[in-house]
């Protein structure tokens, strides 16, 4: 009986292939992805530059219909400026005089960091996920390079807190948890502000896609911030031809001094 059943199954299976039909098997669902585009390629900075805004447009690819209905998707967009080394000093009063007593040197510190999202970060993902991906001003990694001073009455974390506080005051570290707006079920726009003191150099833009606390995908792009006009000439001269920049500065000082002596000392006898 078992052989007869097995033979019947094989004949039925072969007849399906003969008719060009394939049994239906569950297919893997395509994983969600994120796409994005930046509104600018270059930001020109001149003498009257007072800051500007940039827009990042994007879309969610292969979205899950249920997740869309339940509004489970979250998007975070960050802008990270060129890395730099930063020294944080602590002043103390010594014999009535304020002096730098202790310091910490941090390397690979973002010169600029701006974040936009469609909801509060703590509502997007748990702390370990945010920290692992360095998402948020308070989670920007600060690598301690070296220390200065003899005795430390203030721990290193307070130096890092001071660094973040100063960057926030200068609008170089910012967060806007309402800066990402969904234009439809899958399209979004992020608005980010570049201050007047935005650093010169290449800025990296990263868009993250989250769902239920999990980071599903990310996408990167970049834009350039550079000097324009006469400021660009002087900046290039100072950084590329530093010797001639120094010669020009000394010559300008001599000419200015000579003109001042002619104008204000010409009437003396």
C-alpha atoms as a PDB file:
ATOM      1  CA  UNK A   1       0.000   0.000   0.000  1.00  0.00           C
ATOM      2  CA  UNK A   2       2.862   2.406   0.917  1.00  0.00           C
ATOM      3  CA  UNK A   3       4.598   1.744  -2.412  1.00  0.00           C
ATOM      4  CA  UNK A   4       1.346   2.428  -4.247  1.00  0.00           C
ATOM      5  CA  UNK A   5       0.920   5.770  -2.401  1.00  0.00           C
ATOM      6  CA  UNK A   6       4.524   6.794  -3.122  1.00  0.00           C
ATOM      7  CA  UNK A   7       4.078   5.897  -6.788  1.00  0.00           C
ATOM      8  CA  UNK A   8       0.859   7.938  -6.978  1.00  0.00           C
ATOM      9  CA  UNK A   9       2.623  10.967  -5.430  1.00  0.00           C
ATOM     10  CA  UNK A  10       5.524  10.745  -7.895  1.00  0.00           C
ATOM     11  CA  UNK A  11       3.158  10.516 -10.844  1.00  0.00           C
ATOM     12  CA  UNK A  12       1.172  13.488  -9.598  1.00  0.00           C
ATOM     13  CA  UNK A  13       4.378  15.535  -9.100  1.00  0.00           C
ATOM     14  CA  UNK A  14       5.624  14.689 -12.574  1.00  0.00           C
ATOM     15  CA  UNK A  15       2.258  15.568 -14.089  1.00  0.00           C
ATOM     16  CA  UNK A  16       2.473  19.008 -12.478  1.00  0.00           C
ATOM     17  CA  UNK A  17       5.834  19.655 -14.146  1.00  0.00           C
ATOM     18  CA  UNK A  18       4.474  18.309 -17.411  1.00  0.00           C
ATOM     19  CA  UNK A  19       1.720  20.914 -17.267  1.00  0.00           C
ATOM     20  CA  UNK A  20       4.280  23.643 -16.536  1.00  0.00           C
ATOM     21  CA  UNK A  21       3.015  24.262 -12.998  1.00  0.00           C
ATOM     22  CA  UNK A  22       5.224  24.596  -9.937  1.00  0.00           C
ATOM     23  CA  UNK A  23       3.920  24.108  -6.407  1.00  0.00           C
ATOM     24  CA  UNK A  24       3.669  27.390  -4.524  1.00  0.00           C
ATOM     25  CA  UNK A  25       6.356  27.869  -1.884  1.00  0.00           C
ATOM     26  CA  UNK A  26       6.622  30.905   0.405  1.00  0.00           C
ATOM     27  CA  UNK A  27       9.072  33.459  -1.031  1.00  0.00           C
ATOM     28  CA  UNK A  28      11.423  35.602   1.032  1.00  0.00           C
ATOM     29  CA  UNK A  29      10.220  39.171   1.420  1.00  0.00           C
ATOM     30  CA  UNK A  30      12.647  41.808   0.150  1.00  0.00           C
ATOM     31  CA  UNK A  31      14.291  43.668   3.016  1.00  0.00           C
ATOM     32  CA  UNK A  32      13.555  47.337   3.481  1.00  0.00           C
ATOM     33  CA  UNK A  33      16.125  49.798   2.130  1.00  0.00           C
ATOM     34  CA  UNK A  34      16.503  53.564   2.271  1.00  0.00           C
ATOM     35  CA  UNK A  35      17.423  55.944  -0.543  1.00  0.00           C
ATOM     36  CA  UNK A  36      18.341  59.614  -0.281  1.00  0.00           C
ATOM     37  CA  UNK A  37      19.496  62.691  -2.176  1.00  0.00           C
ATOM     38  CA  UNK A  38      21.032  65.965  -0.963  1.00  0.00           C
ATOM     39  CA  UNK A  39      19.791  69.346  -2.168  1.00  0.00           C
ATOM     40  CA  UNK A  40      23.321  70.761  -2.550  1.00  0.00           C
ATOM     41  CA  UNK A  41      26.711  69.569  -3.747  1.00  0.00           C
ATOM     42  CA  UNK A  42      28.638  72.615  -2.539  1.00  0.00           C
ATOM     43  CA  UNK A  43      28.014  75.330   0.053  1.00  0.00           C
ATOM     44  CA  UNK A  44      29.944  78.548  -0.620  1.00  0.00           C
ATOM     45  CA  UNK A  45      31.082  80.580   2.378  1.00  0.00           C
ATOM     46  CA  UNK A  46      31.964  84.249   1.895  1.00  0.00           C
ATOM     47  CA  UNK A  47      32.325  87.306   4.130  1.00  0.00           C
ATOM     48  CA  UNK A  48      28.569  87.851   4.516  1.00  0.00           C
ATOM     49  CA  UNK A  49      27.647  84.189   4.979  1.00  0.00           C
ATOM     50  CA  UNK A  50      25.093  83.929   7.793  1.00  0.00           C
ATOM     51  CA  UNK A  51      24.304  80.238   7.578  1.00  0.00           C
ATOM     52  CA  UNK A  52      22.039  78.240   5.325  1.00  0.00           C
ATOM     53  CA  UNK A  53      19.719  75.275   5.296  1.00  0.00           C
ATOM     54  CA  UNK A  54      20.021  72.044   3.353  1.00  0.00           C
ATOM     55  CA  UNK A  55      17.366  69.464   2.553  1.00  0.00           C
ATOM     56  CA  UNK A  56      17.772  65.714   2.329  1.00  0.00           C
ATOM     57  CA  UNK A  57      15.072  63.902   0.376  1.00  0.00           C
ATOM     58  CA  UNK A  58      14.608  60.170   0.539  1.00  0.00           C
ATOM     59  CA  UNK A  59      12.337  57.168   0.293  1.00  0.00           C
ATOM     60  CA  UNK A  60      11.811  53.794   1.914  1.00  0.00           C
ATOM     61  CA  UNK A  61      12.197  50.923  -0.543  1.00  0.00           C
ATOM     62  CA  UNK A  62      10.303  47.618  -0.169  1.00  0.00           C
ATOM     63  CA  UNK A  63       8.196  48.857   2.756  1.00  0.00           C
ATOM     64  CA  UNK A  64       6.064  46.512   4.797  1.00  0.00           C
ATOM     65  CA  UNK A  65       2.390  47.453   4.441  1.00  0.00           C
ATOM     66  CA  UNK A  66       1.557  46.667   8.047  1.00  0.00           C
ATOM     67  CA  UNK A  67       4.510  48.725   9.289  1.00  0.00           C
ATOM     68  CA  UNK A  68       3.317  51.633   7.158  1.00  0.00           C
ATOM     69  CA  UNK A  69      -0.203  51.371   8.524  1.00  0.00           C
ATOM     70  CA  UNK A  70       1.042  51.263  12.118  1.00  0.00           C
ATOM     71  CA  UNK A  71       3.531  54.104  11.510  1.00  0.00           C
ATOM     72  CA  UNK A  72       6.425  51.967  12.716  1.00  0.00           C
ATOM     73  CA  UNK A  73       9.142  53.426  10.492  1.00  0.00           C
ATOM     74  CA  UNK A  74      11.537  56.057  11.813  1.00  0.00           C
ATOM     75  CA  UNK A  75      14.184  57.993   9.903  1.00  0.00           C
ATOM     76  CA  UNK A  76      17.271  59.699  11.303  1.00  0.00           C
ATOM     77  CA  UNK A  77      19.526  61.914   9.178  1.00  0.00           C
ATOM     78  CA  UNK A  78      22.919  63.135  10.390  1.00  0.00           C
ATOM     79  CA  UNK A  79      25.524  65.528   9.003  1.00  0.00           C
ATOM     80  CA  UNK A  80      29.088  65.000  10.234  1.00  0.00           C
ATOM     81  CA  UNK A  81      31.856  67.503   9.510  1.00  0.00           C
ATOM     82  CA  UNK A  82      35.586  66.858   9.081  1.00  0.00           C
ATOM     83  CA  UNK A  83      37.330  65.209  12.037  1.00  0.00           C
ATOM     84  CA  UNK A  84      39.752  67.215  14.148  1.00  0.00           C
ATOM     85  CA  UNK A  85      41.822  67.091  17.318  1.00  0.00           C
ATOM     86  CA  UNK A  86      40.484  69.140  20.236  1.00  0.00           C
ATOM     87  CA  UNK A  87      42.154  70.138  23.504  1.00  0.00           C
ATOM     88  CA  UNK A  88      39.887  70.811  26.481  1.00  0.00           C
ATOM     89  CA  UNK A  89      41.487  72.757  29.329  1.00  0.00           C
ATOM     90  CA  UNK A  90      40.407  73.342  32.885  1.00  0.00           C
ATOM     91  CA  UNK A  91      41.323  76.607  34.575  1.00  0.00           C
ATOM     92  CA  UNK A  92      42.049  76.916  38.287  1.00  0.00           C
ATOM     93  CA  UNK A  93      42.829  79.885  40.481  1.00  0.00           C
ATOM     94  CA  UNK A  94      46.461  79.787  41.611  1.00  0.00           C
ATOM     95  CA  UNK A  95      47.673  82.593  43.902  1.00  0.00           C
ATOM     96  CA  UNK A  96      44.860  84.773  42.638  1.00  0.00           C
ATOM     97  CA  UNK A  97      45.618  84.106  38.963  1.00  0.00           C
ATOM     98  CA  UNK A  98      43.499  81.923  36.689  1.00  0.00           C
ATOM     99  CA  UNK A  99      45.712  79.322  35.002  1.00  0.00           C
ATOM    100  CA  UNK A 100      45.240  76.230  32.836  1.00  0.00           C
ATOM    101  CA  UNK A 101      46.009  73.352  35.194  1.00  0.00           C
ATOM    102  CA  UNK A 102      44.597  70.238  33.548  1.00  0.00           C
ATOM    103  CA  UNK A 103      43.659  69.234  30.030  1.00  0.00           C
ATOM    104  CA  UNK A 104      42.410  66.403  27.874  1.00  0.00           C
ATOM    105  CA  UNK A 105      43.153  65.941  24.176  1.00  0.00           C
ATOM    106  CA  UNK A 106      40.502  64.241  22.064  1.00  0.00           C
ATOM    107  CA  UNK A 107      41.109  62.980  18.542  1.00  0.00           C
ATOM    108  CA  UNK A 108      38.715  62.309  15.673  1.00  0.00           C
ATOM    109  CA  UNK A 109      36.147  64.754  17.030  1.00  0.00           C
ATOM    110  CA  UNK A 110      33.527  65.860  14.476  1.00  0.00           C
ATOM    111  CA  UNK A 111      33.989  69.561  13.800  1.00  0.00           C
ATOM    112  CA  UNK A 112      30.249  69.675  13.125  1.00  0.00           C
ATOM    113  CA  UNK A 113      27.345  67.362  13.917  1.00  0.00           C
ATOM    114  CA  UNK A 114      23.675  67.943  13.110  1.00  0.00           C
ATOM    115  CA  UNK A 115      20.832  65.473  13.508  1.00  0.00           C
ATOM    116  CA  UNK A 116      17.231  65.428  12.322  1.00  0.00           C
ATOM    117  CA  UNK A 117      14.616  62.756  13.023  1.00  0.00           C
ATOM    118  CA  UNK A 118      10.876  62.251  12.900  1.00  0.00           C
ATOM    119  CA  UNK A 119      10.533  61.475  16.616  1.00  0.00           C
ATOM    120  CA  UNK A 120      12.502  61.448  19.858  1.00  0.00           C
ATOM    121  CA  UNK A 121      15.597  59.262  19.649  1.00  0.00           C
ATOM    122  CA  UNK A 122      14.647  57.286  22.753  1.00  0.00           C
ATOM    123  CA  UNK A 123      11.365  56.394  21.021  1.00  0.00           C
ATOM    124  CA  UNK A 124      13.208  55.211  17.907  1.00  0.00           C
ATOM    125  CA  UNK A 125      15.677  52.717  19.365  1.00  0.00           C
ATOM    126  CA  UNK A 126      17.049  51.549  22.720  1.00  0.00           C
ATOM    127  CA  UNK A 127      20.176  53.156  24.111  1.00  0.00           C
ATOM    128  CA  UNK A 128      22.587  50.330  23.122  1.00  0.00           C
ATOM    129  CA  UNK A 129      21.520  50.603  19.460  1.00  0.00           C
ATOM    130  CA  UNK A 130      21.851  54.392  19.434  1.00  0.00           C
ATOM    131  CA  UNK A 131      25.249  54.230  21.119  1.00  0.00           C
ATOM    132  CA  UNK A 132      26.532  51.502  18.803  1.00  0.00           C
ATOM    133  CA  UNK A 133      25.714  53.648  15.767  1.00  0.00           C
ATOM    134  CA  UNK A 134      26.841  56.930  17.417  1.00  0.00           C
ATOM    135  CA  UNK A 135      23.436  58.545  16.882  1.00  0.00           C
ATOM    136  CA  UNK A 136      22.853  61.713  18.905  1.00  0.00           C
ATOM    137  CA  UNK A 137      24.995  64.546  20.237  1.00  0.00           C
ATOM    138  CA  UNK A 138      25.530  62.825  23.583  1.00  0.00           C
ATOM    139  CA  UNK A 139      26.646  59.656  21.798  1.00  0.00           C
ATOM    140  CA  UNK A 140      29.248  61.188  19.501  1.00  0.00           C
ATOM    141  CA  UNK A 141      32.380  59.169  20.333  1.00  0.00           C
ATOM    142  CA  UNK A 142      35.197  61.181  21.909  1.00  0.00           C
ATOM    143  CA  UNK A 143      38.473  59.259  21.861  1.00  0.00           C
ATOM    144  CA  UNK A 144      40.862  60.364  24.590  1.00  0.00           C
ATOM    145  CA  UNK A 145      44.306  60.904  23.056  1.00  0.00           C
ATOM    146  CA  UNK A 146      46.359  62.070  26.033  1.00  0.00           C
ATOM    147  CA  UNK A 147      46.071  63.893  29.326  1.00  0.00           C
ATOM    148  CA  UNK A 148      47.851  66.843  30.852  1.00  0.00           C
ATOM    149  CA  UNK A 149      48.502  67.976  34.409  1.00  0.00           C
ATOM    150  CA  UNK A 150      49.711  66.183  37.498  1.00  0.00           C
ATOM    151  CA  UNK A 151      46.676  65.574  39.692  1.00  0.00           C
ATOM    152  CA  UNK A 152      43.130  65.306  38.401  1.00  0.00           C
ATOM    153  CA  UNK A 153      40.365  66.511  40.670  1.00  0.00           C
ATOM    154  CA  UNK A 154      37.904  66.334  37.731  1.00  0.00           C
ATOM    155  CA  UNK A 155      37.286  63.043  35.895  1.00  0.00           C
ATOM    156  CA  UNK A 156      37.635  62.732  32.128  1.00  0.00           C
ATOM    157  CA  UNK A 157      33.865  62.437  31.481  1.00  0.00           C
ATOM    158  CA  UNK A 158      33.422  66.022  32.662  1.00  0.00           C
ATOM    159  CA  UNK A 159      35.939  67.221  30.080  1.00  0.00           C
ATOM    160  CA  UNK A 160      33.910  65.437  27.407  1.00  0.00           C
ATOM    161  CA  UNK A 161      30.714  67.022  28.745  1.00  0.00           C
ATOM    162  CA  UNK A 162      32.346  70.450  28.582  1.00  0.00           C
ATOM    163  CA  UNK A 163      33.389  69.827  24.987  1.00  0.00           C
ATOM    164  CA  UNK A 164      29.851  68.884  24.008  1.00  0.00           C
ATOM    165  CA  UNK A 165      28.405  71.862  25.890  1.00  0.00           C
ATOM    166  CA  UNK A 166      30.663  74.352  24.108  1.00  0.00           C
ATOM    167  CA  UNK A 167      29.887  72.799  20.715  1.00  0.00           C
ATOM    168  CA  UNK A 168      26.162  73.066  21.467  1.00  0.00           C
ATOM    169  CA  UNK A 169      26.497  76.725  22.446  1.00  0.00           C
ATOM    170  CA  UNK A 170      28.260  77.454  19.151  1.00  0.00           C
ATOM    171  CA  UNK A 171      25.542  75.579  17.215  1.00  0.00           C
ATOM    172  CA  UNK A 172      28.127  73.072  16.017  1.00  0.00           C
ATOM    173  CA  UNK A 173      26.337  70.145  17.723  1.00  0.00           C
ATOM    174  CA  UNK A 174      22.567  70.205  17.186  1.00  0.00           C
ATOM    175  CA  UNK A 175      19.556  67.895  17.316  1.00  0.00           C
ATOM    176  CA  UNK A 176      16.083  68.427  15.859  1.00  0.00           C
ATOM    177  CA  UNK A 177      13.727  65.554  16.632  1.00  0.00           C
ATOM    178  CA  UNK A 178      11.039  67.053  14.393  1.00  0.00           C
ATOM    179  CA  UNK A 179      13.353  67.796  11.476  1.00  0.00           C
ATOM    180  CA  UNK A 180      12.269  64.798   9.388  1.00  0.00           C
ATOM    181  CA  UNK A 181       8.811  64.991   7.824  1.00  0.00           C
ATOM    182  CA  UNK A 182       7.128  62.212   5.868  1.00  0.00           C
ATOM    183  CA  UNK A 183       5.647  63.548   2.619  1.00  0.00           C
ATOM    184  CA  UNK A 184       3.747  60.317   2.011  1.00  0.00           C
ATOM    185  CA  UNK A 185       3.810  56.733   3.157  1.00  0.00           C
ATOM    186  CA  UNK A 186       7.405  56.225   1.980  1.00  0.00           C
ATOM    187  CA  UNK A 187       8.807  59.647   0.994  1.00  0.00           C
ATOM    188  CA  UNK A 188      10.495  61.897   3.553  1.00  0.00           C
ATOM    189  CA  UNK A 189      12.349  65.177   3.806  1.00  0.00           C
ATOM    190  CA  UNK A 190      14.943  66.223   6.394  1.00  0.00           C
ATOM    191  CA  UNK A 191      15.713  69.889   7.059  1.00  0.00           C
ATOM    192  CA  UNK A 192      19.096  70.687   8.595  1.00  0.00           C
ATOM    193  CA  UNK A 193      20.676  74.040   9.407  1.00  0.00           C
ATOM    194  CA  UNK A 194      24.307  74.974   8.784  1.00  0.00           C
ATOM    195  CA  UNK A 195      25.431  77.866  11.035  1.00  0.00           C
ATOM    196  CA  UNK A 196      27.582  80.791   9.944  1.00  0.00           C
ATOM    197  CA  UNK A 197      30.611  79.133  11.565  1.00  0.00           C
ATOM    198  CA  UNK A 198      30.190  75.796   9.769  1.00  0.00           C
ATOM    199  CA  UNK A 199      33.640  74.220   9.255  1.00  0.00           C
ATOM    200  CA  UNK A 200      35.262  74.136   5.827  1.00  0.00           C
ATOM    201  CA  UNK A 201      35.632  70.703   4.243  1.00  0.00           C
ATOM    202  CA  UNK A 202      33.746  67.573   3.245  1.00  0.00           C
ATOM    203  CA  UNK A 203      30.600  66.826   5.278  1.00  0.00           C
ATOM    204  CA  UNK A 204      29.150  63.311   5.390  1.00  0.00           C
ATOM    205  CA  UNK A 205      25.381  62.802   5.332  1.00  0.00           C
ATOM    206  CA  UNK A 206      23.922  59.538   6.642  1.00  0.00           C
ATOM    207  CA  UNK A 207      20.279  58.455   6.586  1.00  0.00           C
ATOM    208  CA  UNK A 208      19.179  55.633   8.918  1.00  0.00           C
ATOM    209  CA  UNK A 209      15.980  53.594   8.713  1.00  0.00           C
ATOM    210  CA  UNK A 210      14.547  52.101  11.918  1.00  0.00           C
ATOM    211  CA  UNK A 211      11.586  49.905  12.747  1.00  0.00           C
ATOM    212  CA  UNK A 212      10.584  48.781  16.234  1.00  0.00           C
ATOM    213  CA  UNK A 213      13.970  49.680  17.692  1.00  0.00           C
ATOM    214  CA  UNK A 214      15.999  47.906  15.003  1.00  0.00           C
ATOM    215  CA  UNK A 215      18.174  49.641  12.439  1.00  0.00           C
ATOM    216  CA  UNK A 216      17.183  48.174   9.083  1.00  0.00           C
ATOM    217  CA  UNK A 217      19.340  50.101   6.627  1.00  0.00           C
ATOM    218  CA  UNK A 218      21.485  53.183   6.100  1.00  0.00           C
ATOM    219  CA  UNK A 219      22.686  55.266   3.169  1.00  0.00           C
ATOM    220  CA  UNK A 220      25.553  57.776   2.896  1.00  0.00           C
ATOM    221  CA  UNK A 221      26.269  60.854   0.803  1.00  0.00           C
ATOM    222  CA  UNK A 222      28.288  64.045   1.161  1.00  0.00           C
ATOM    223  CA  UNK A 223      28.630  67.700   0.239  1.00  0.00           C
ATOM    224  CA  UNK A 224      31.464  70.221   0.312  1.00  0.00           C
ATOM    225  CA  UNK A 225      31.696  73.449   2.308  1.00  0.00           C
ATOM    226  CA  UNK A 226      34.285  75.814   0.835  1.00  0.00           C
ATOM    227  CA  UNK A 227      35.364  79.420   0.843  1.00  0.00           C
ATOM    228  CA  UNK A 228      34.226  81.635  -2.036  1.00  0.00           C
ATOM    229  CA  UNK A 229      35.578  84.806  -3.640  1.00  0.00           C
ATOM    230  CA  UNK A 230      38.481  86.657  -1.999  1.00  0.00           C
ATOM    231  CA  UNK A 231      38.080  84.546   1.149  1.00  0.00           C
ATOM    232  CA  UNK A 232      38.740  81.432  -0.931  1.00  0.00           C
ATOM    233  CA  UNK A 233      41.920  82.975  -2.346  1.00  0.00           C
ATOM    234  CA  UNK A 234      43.226  83.869   1.120  1.00  0.00           C
ATOM    235  CA  UNK A 235      42.221  80.499   2.586  1.00  0.00           C
ATOM    236  CA  UNK A 236      43.980  78.607  -0.218  1.00  0.00           C
ATOM    237  CA  UNK A 237      47.035  80.828   0.107  1.00  0.00           C
ATOM    238  CA  UNK A 238      47.229  80.307   3.875  1.00  0.00           C
ATOM    239  CA  UNK A 239      46.802  76.528   3.759  1.00  0.00           C
ATOM    240  CA  UNK A 240      48.551  75.624   0.504  1.00  0.00           C
ATOM    241  CA  UNK A 241      51.220  78.310   0.198  1.00  0.00           C
ATOM    242  CA  UNK A 242      51.824  79.189   3.842  1.00  0.00           C
ATOM    243  CA  UNK A 243      55.301  80.662   3.171  1.00  0.00           C
ATOM    244  CA  UNK A 244      54.038  83.154   0.606  1.00  0.00           C
ATOM    245  CA  UNK A 245      51.052  83.921   2.816  1.00  0.00           C
ATOM    246  CA  UNK A 246      53.478  84.880   5.586  1.00  0.00           C
ATOM    247  CA  UNK A 247      55.547  87.006   3.198  1.00  0.00           C
ATOM    248  CA  UNK A 248      52.398  88.760   1.984  1.00  0.00           C
ATOM    249  CA  UNK A 249      51.224  89.394   5.553  1.00  0.00           C
ATOM    250  CA  UNK A 250      54.587  90.934   6.534  1.00  0.00           C
ATOM    251  CA  UNK A 251      54.651  93.060   3.370  1.00  0.00           C
ATOM    252  CA  UNK A 252      51.103  94.265   4.024  1.00  0.00           C
ATOM    253  CA  UNK A 253      52.050  95.213   7.586  1.00  0.00           C
ATOM    254  CA  UNK A 254      55.108  97.172   6.368  1.00  0.00           C
ATOM    255  CA  UNK A 255      53.099  99.020   3.719  1.00  0.00           C
ATOM    256  CA  UNK A 256      50.365  99.835   6.235  1.00  0.00           C
ATOM    257  CA  UNK A 257      52.926 101.174   8.697  1.00  0.00           C
ATOM    258  CA  UNK A 258      54.606 103.277   6.014  1.00  0.00           C
ATOM    259  CA  UNK A 259      51.283 104.752   4.868  1.00  0.00           C
ATOM    260  CA  UNK A 260      50.370 105.580   8.455  1.00  0.00           C
ATOM    261  CA  UNK A 261      53.673 107.375   8.966  1.00  0.00           C
ATOM    262  CA  UNK A 262      53.159 109.371   5.760  1.00  0.00           C
ATOM    263  CA  UNK A 263      49.587 110.352   6.591  1.00  0.00           C
ATOM    264  CA  UNK A 264      49.992 111.153  10.278  1.00  0.00           C
ATOM    265  CA  UNK A 265      53.631 112.191  10.307  1.00  0.00           C
ATOM    266  CA  UNK A 266      53.770 114.199   7.091  1.00  0.00           C
ATOM    267  CA  UNK A 267      52.971 117.512   8.794  1.00  0.00           C
ATOM    268  CA  UNK A 268      55.766 117.303  11.376  1.00  0.00           C
ATOM    269  CA  UNK A 269      58.868 119.495  11.040  1.00  0.00           C
END
